[in-house]
Amino acid sequence: MNPIEQLSEWIRGAGSIVALTGAGISTGSGIPDFRSASGIYSDSRNVNVFDLDAFSRNPGIFYTFARAFYPQVRDAHPNAAHRALAEWQRQGKELVVVTQNVDDYHQRAGSVPVYSVHGNHIYSSCQRCGDRVETETLHSLIETGEIPRCSCGGVYKPDITFFGEMLPEYDWNASVRAISRCDLLLVLGTSLTVYPAAGLPGYRPLNCRMVIINHDPTPLDAEAQLVIHDDLCNVMEKLSALISC
């Protein structure tokens, strides 16, 4: 039995599944990851783009980046991996999605629930008064090179967790609860190097199988019951074909 056939059997037999997803699940939609040779941080101009202190000093650093990044995220679509997870949920599998990503492709694919442990770009909040708006309403200003400001004069910041901020408490706690009771943990497209999110697999029960599907090796490969180093979208398409049989 090959690894994908083995995994399809584990998915069919699992009582509670958690899918922990990272940047590698969205590269199939054309969104660059962060730390690869061609990722977002490979451009020296982007080194501090998600740093809270840098944003507070000069929000233009982020919004110069966002002028190109926001349309890219807006115009891309969920891929086969996002759709597979949503379809398994629709088929009745007890499956929770926990994502490190700040895009909304899991939601667009139809997954419920989705816990975003690094926040999400969908909403933005005023750093002075707390007013919250849909980020899409700010796009026209951002695309002209302006920094979006609230009527109070404060700067809007996307509800993405920047370095220097606490993770969203509700999503983090819900993610820990889901992982602590699952019997199958799918780690999909994450390098497992960014903490505290990289520590989430440590909350899995002793009897939980952990499966890692990622293009490159991760620090937890040796702990997993199954590791597949391959294109995530291809693997998920093959899994879906087997599970739907």
Protein backbone atom coordinates (compact mmCIF):
# COMPACT_ATOMS: atom_id res chain seq x y z
CA MET A 1 0.00 0.00 0.00
CA ASN A 2 1.44 3.38 -1.01
CA PRO A 3 1.45 6.36 1.39
CA ILE A 4 -1.55 8.08 -0.22
CA GLU A 5 -3.63 4.90 -0.06
CA GLN A 6 -2.61 4.45 3.58
CA LEU A 7 -3.59 8.02 4.39
CA SER A 8 -6.95 7.67 2.65
CA GLU A 9 -7.73 4.73 4.93
CA TRP A 10 -6.74 6.72 8.01
CA ILE A 11 -8.95 9.62 6.93
CA ARG A 12 -11.92 7.30 6.36
CA GLY A 13 -11.46 5.72 9.79
CA ALA A 14 -10.69 8.86 11.78
CA GLY A 15 -13.21 10.09 14.32
CA SER A 16 -11.84 13.62 14.60
CA ILE A 17 -9.42 15.29 12.18
CA VAL A 18 -7.55 18.58 12.41
CA ALA A 19 -5.82 20.06 9.37
CA LEU A 20 -3.05 22.49 10.33
CA THR A 21 -2.21 24.48 7.21
CA GLY A 22 0.57 26.89 6.33
CA ALA A 23 1.79 28.99 3.43
CA GLY A 24 2.45 25.91 1.31
CA ILE A 25 -1.27 25.29 0.84
CA SER A 26 -1.74 28.71 -0.78
CA THR A 27 1.26 28.59 -3.11
CA GLY A 28 -0.92 26.42 -5.33
CA SER A 29 -3.18 29.45 -5.71
CA GLY A 30 -0.25 31.58 -6.83
CA ILE A 31 0.41 33.23 -3.47
CA PRO A 32 4.13 33.34 -2.54
CA ASP A 33 5.24 31.82 0.73
CA PHE A 34 7.44 33.72 3.16
CA ARG A 35 10.75 31.95 3.64
CA SER A 36 11.60 30.11 0.42
CA ALA A 37 14.22 31.38 -2.02
CA SER A 38 11.49 33.18 -3.97
CA GLY A 39 9.26 33.98 -0.99
CA ILE A 40 8.09 37.32 0.36
CA TYR A 41 11.10 37.73 2.67
CA SER A 42 13.57 37.08 -0.17
CA ASP A 43 13.03 40.76 -1.08
CA SER A 44 14.98 42.86 1.44
CA ARG A 45 12.30 45.55 1.23
CA ASN A 46 9.84 43.16 2.89
CA VAL A 47 11.93 42.19 5.92
CA ASN A 48 9.91 44.31 8.37
CA VAL A 49 6.63 44.31 6.51
CA PHE A 50 4.79 42.40 9.26
CA ASP A 51 6.61 43.98 12.22
CA LEU A 52 4.40 45.95 14.64
CA ASP A 53 7.11 48.40 15.71
CA ALA A 54 7.95 49.13 12.07
CA PHE A 55 4.25 49.64 11.29
CA SER A 56 3.85 52.02 14.22
CA ARG A 57 6.86 54.06 13.07
CA ASN A 58 6.01 54.02 9.38
CA PRO A 59 2.85 52.25 8.16
CA GLY A 60 3.93 53.09 4.62
CA ILE A 61 6.34 50.13 4.75
CA PHE A 62 3.39 47.75 4.97
CA TYR A 63 1.10 49.62 2.62
CA THR A 64 3.73 49.84 -0.12
CA PHE A 65 3.86 46.04 0.06
CA ALA A 66 0.06 45.74 0.34
CA ARG A 67 -0.49 47.76 -2.84
CA ALA A 68 0.69 44.73 -4.83
CA PHE A 69 -0.10 41.97 -2.33
CA TYR A 70 -3.77 42.73 -1.65
CA PRO A 71 -4.87 42.53 -5.33
CA GLN A 72 -2.89 39.31 -5.69
CA VAL A 73 -4.69 37.71 -2.75
CA ARG A 74 -8.06 39.12 -3.87
CA ASP A 75 -7.80 37.83 -7.43
CA ALA A 76 -6.51 34.32 -6.64
CA HIS A 77 -8.83 31.43 -5.80
CA PRO A 78 -8.94 28.36 -3.54
CA ASN A 79 -7.06 25.43 -5.02
CA ALA A 80 -7.53 21.66 -4.93
CA ALA A 81 -6.15 21.37 -1.40
CA HIS A 82 -8.53 23.98 0.04
CA ARG A 83 -11.44 22.42 -1.83
CA ALA A 84 -10.60 18.90 -0.67
CA LEU A 85 -10.76 19.83 3.02
CA ALA A 86 -14.07 21.65 2.52
CA GLU A 87 -15.49 18.69 0.60
CA TRP A 88 -14.54 16.23 3.34
CA GLN A 89 -16.37 18.44 5.81
CA ARG A 90 -19.44 18.48 3.57
CA GLN A 91 -19.27 14.69 3.37
CA GLY A 92 -19.70 14.57 7.12
CA LYS A 93 -16.14 14.15 8.38
CA GLU A 94 -15.50 15.82 11.72
CA LEU A 95 -12.70 18.05 10.49
CA VAL A 96 -11.42 21.35 11.87
CA VAL A 97 -9.15 23.63 9.86
CA VAL A 98 -6.46 25.52 11.76
CA THR A 99 -4.49 27.84 9.52
CA GLN A 100 -1.39 29.98 9.88
CA ASN A 101 -2.37 31.80 6.68
CA VAL A 102 -3.85 35.29 6.59
CA ASP A 103 -5.80 34.76 3.35
CA ASP A 104 -9.41 33.59 3.20
CA TYR A 105 -9.20 30.66 0.78
CA HIS A 106 -10.36 28.05 3.29
CA GLN A 107 -13.44 30.16 3.97
CA ARG A 108 -14.05 30.77 0.27
CA ALA A 109 -13.79 27.03 -0.39
CA GLY A 110 -16.56 26.51 2.16
CA SER A 111 -14.71 25.15 5.19
CA VAL A 112 -16.35 25.57 8.61
CA PRO A 113 -14.89 25.94 11.16
CA VAL A 114 -11.64 27.69 10.28
CA TYR A 115 -9.43 29.04 13.06
CA SER A 116 -6.87 31.62 11.93
CA VAL A 117 -4.07 31.65 14.48
CA HIS A 118 -2.22 34.49 12.74
CA GLY A 119 -5.29 36.62 12.13
CA ASN A 120 -6.73 37.49 8.76
CA HIS A 121 -6.62 40.30 6.20
CA ILE A 122 -10.42 40.43 5.76
CA TYR A 123 -10.91 43.17 8.36
CA SER A 124 -8.81 46.15 9.42
CA SER A 125 -8.91 48.05 12.72
CA CYS A 126 -8.05 51.63 13.60
CA GLN A 127 -5.01 51.69 15.86
CA ARG A 128 -6.38 54.70 17.75
CA CYS A 129 -10.12 54.17 18.34
CA GLY A 130 -10.58 50.51 17.37
CA ASP A 131 -13.07 51.11 14.53
CA ARG A 132 -13.25 47.97 12.39
CA VAL A 133 -13.98 47.89 8.65
CA GLU A 134 -13.76 45.42 5.80
CA THR A 135 -10.30 45.76 4.32
CA GLU A 136 -11.78 45.65 0.83
CA THR A 137 -13.29 49.10 1.45
CA LEU A 138 -9.75 50.47 1.84
CA HIS A 139 -8.33 48.99 -1.36
CA SER A 140 -8.97 52.02 -3.55
CA LEU A 141 -7.02 54.25 -1.16
CA ILE A 142 -4.17 51.75 -0.81
CA GLU A 143 -3.89 51.29 -4.57
CA THR A 144 -3.38 55.04 -5.02
CA GLY A 145 -0.50 54.97 -2.55
CA GLU A 146 -2.34 56.47 0.41
CA ILE A 147 -2.21 55.19 3.98
CA PRO A 148 -5.81 54.43 5.05
CA ARG A 149 -6.89 56.46 8.04
CA CYS A 150 -9.97 56.49 10.25
CA SER A 151 -12.11 59.60 10.71
CA CYS A 152 -10.42 59.95 14.11
CA GLY A 153 -7.05 60.27 12.41
CA GLY A 154 -5.75 56.86 13.40
CA VAL A 155 -4.20 54.44 10.90
CA TYR A 156 -6.04 51.27 9.90
CA LYS A 157 -4.05 48.06 10.30
CA PRO A 158 -5.21 44.72 8.93
CA ASP A 159 -6.29 42.19 11.56
CA ILE A 160 -3.19 40.15 10.72
CA THR A 161 -1.03 39.23 13.70
CA PHE A 162 2.21 41.17 13.22
CA PHE A 163 5.44 40.25 14.96
CA GLY A 164 5.19 41.88 18.39
CA GLU A 165 1.45 41.17 18.79
CA MET A 166 -0.37 38.50 20.76
CA LEU A 167 -2.07 35.78 18.73
CA PRO A 168 -5.90 35.93 18.53
CA GLU A 169 -6.98 34.38 21.83
CA TYR A 170 -10.23 32.79 20.64
CA ASP A 171 -8.73 31.15 17.55
CA TRP A 172 -5.66 29.96 19.44
CA ASN A 173 -7.66 28.40 22.30
CA ALA A 174 -10.12 26.78 19.89
CA SER A 175 -7.21 25.34 17.89
CA VAL A 176 -5.58 23.87 20.99
CA ARG A 177 -8.89 22.30 22.06
CA ALA A 178 -9.46 20.75 18.63
CA ILE A 179 -5.94 19.34 18.38
CA SER A 180 -6.02 18.00 21.93
CA ARG A 181 -9.00 15.76 21.08
CA CYS A 182 -8.27 14.69 17.50
CA ASP A 183 -7.10 11.24 16.43
CA LEU A 184 -5.63 12.37 13.11
CA LEU A 185 -3.57 15.53 12.65
CA LEU A 186 -2.82 16.56 9.07
CA VAL A 187 0.05 19.07 8.86
CA LEU A 188 -0.21 20.58 5.40
CA GLY A 189 2.19 22.98 3.74
CA THR A 190 3.92 24.40 6.78
CA SER A 191 7.62 24.46 7.61
CA LEU A 192 6.81 24.24 11.35
CA THR A 193 9.48 26.83 12.16
CA VAL A 194 7.40 29.83 13.28
CA TYR A 195 6.43 29.75 16.95
CA PRO A 196 4.14 29.59 18.79
CA ALA A 197 2.07 28.12 15.92
CA ALA A 198 4.76 25.52 15.22
CA GLY A 199 4.14 24.17 18.71
CA LEU A 200 0.50 23.30 18.02
CA PRO A 201 1.21 19.66 17.05
CA GLY A 202 2.58 19.21 20.57
CA TYR A 203 -1.01 19.38 21.89
CA ARG A 204 -2.07 16.20 20.06
CA PRO A 205 -3.02 13.16 22.17
CA LEU A 206 -0.62 10.22 22.49
CA ASN A 207 -2.86 8.03 20.34
CA CYS A 208 -3.15 10.63 17.58
CA ARG A 209 -1.59 9.90 14.19
CA MET A 210 0.31 12.84 12.73
CA VAL A 211 0.77 13.10 8.97
CA ILE A 212 3.02 15.76 7.43
CA ILE A 213 2.64 16.70 3.77
CA ASN A 214 5.11 19.38 2.76
CA HIS A 215 7.46 19.99 -0.13
CA ASP A 216 10.49 20.20 2.18
CA PRO A 217 11.44 18.39 5.41
CA THR A 218 10.20 19.83 8.72
CA PRO A 219 11.60 19.61 12.27
CA LEU A 220 8.78 17.21 13.23
CA ASP A 221 9.16 14.69 10.39
CA ALA A 222 10.74 12.15 12.74
CA GLU A 223 7.70 12.29 15.05
CA ALA A 224 5.11 11.74 12.31
CA GLN A 225 3.51 8.40 11.48
CA LEU A 226 3.58 9.35 7.80
CA VAL A 227 5.54 11.97 5.85
CA ILE A 228 4.97 12.87 2.20
CA HIS A 229 7.37 15.29 0.51
CA ASP A 230 5.46 16.17 -2.63
CA ASP A 231 3.25 18.82 -4.22
CA LEU A 232 0.39 19.33 -1.78
CA CYS A 233 -2.30 19.99 -4.39
CA ASN A 234 -1.42 16.81 -6.28
CA VAL A 235 -1.50 14.74 -3.10
CA MET A 236 -4.85 16.19 -2.01
CA GLU A 237 -6.40 15.57 -5.44
CA LYS A 238 -5.32 11.92 -5.30
CA LEU A 239 -6.61 11.59 -1.74
CA SER A 240 -9.98 13.06 -2.67
CA ALA A 241 -10.32 10.64 -5.58
CA LEU A 242 -9.66 7.69 -3.28
CA ILE A 243 -11.90 8.91 -0.44
CA SER A 244 -14.85 9.55 -2.77
CA CYS A 245 -14.66 6.04 -4.22
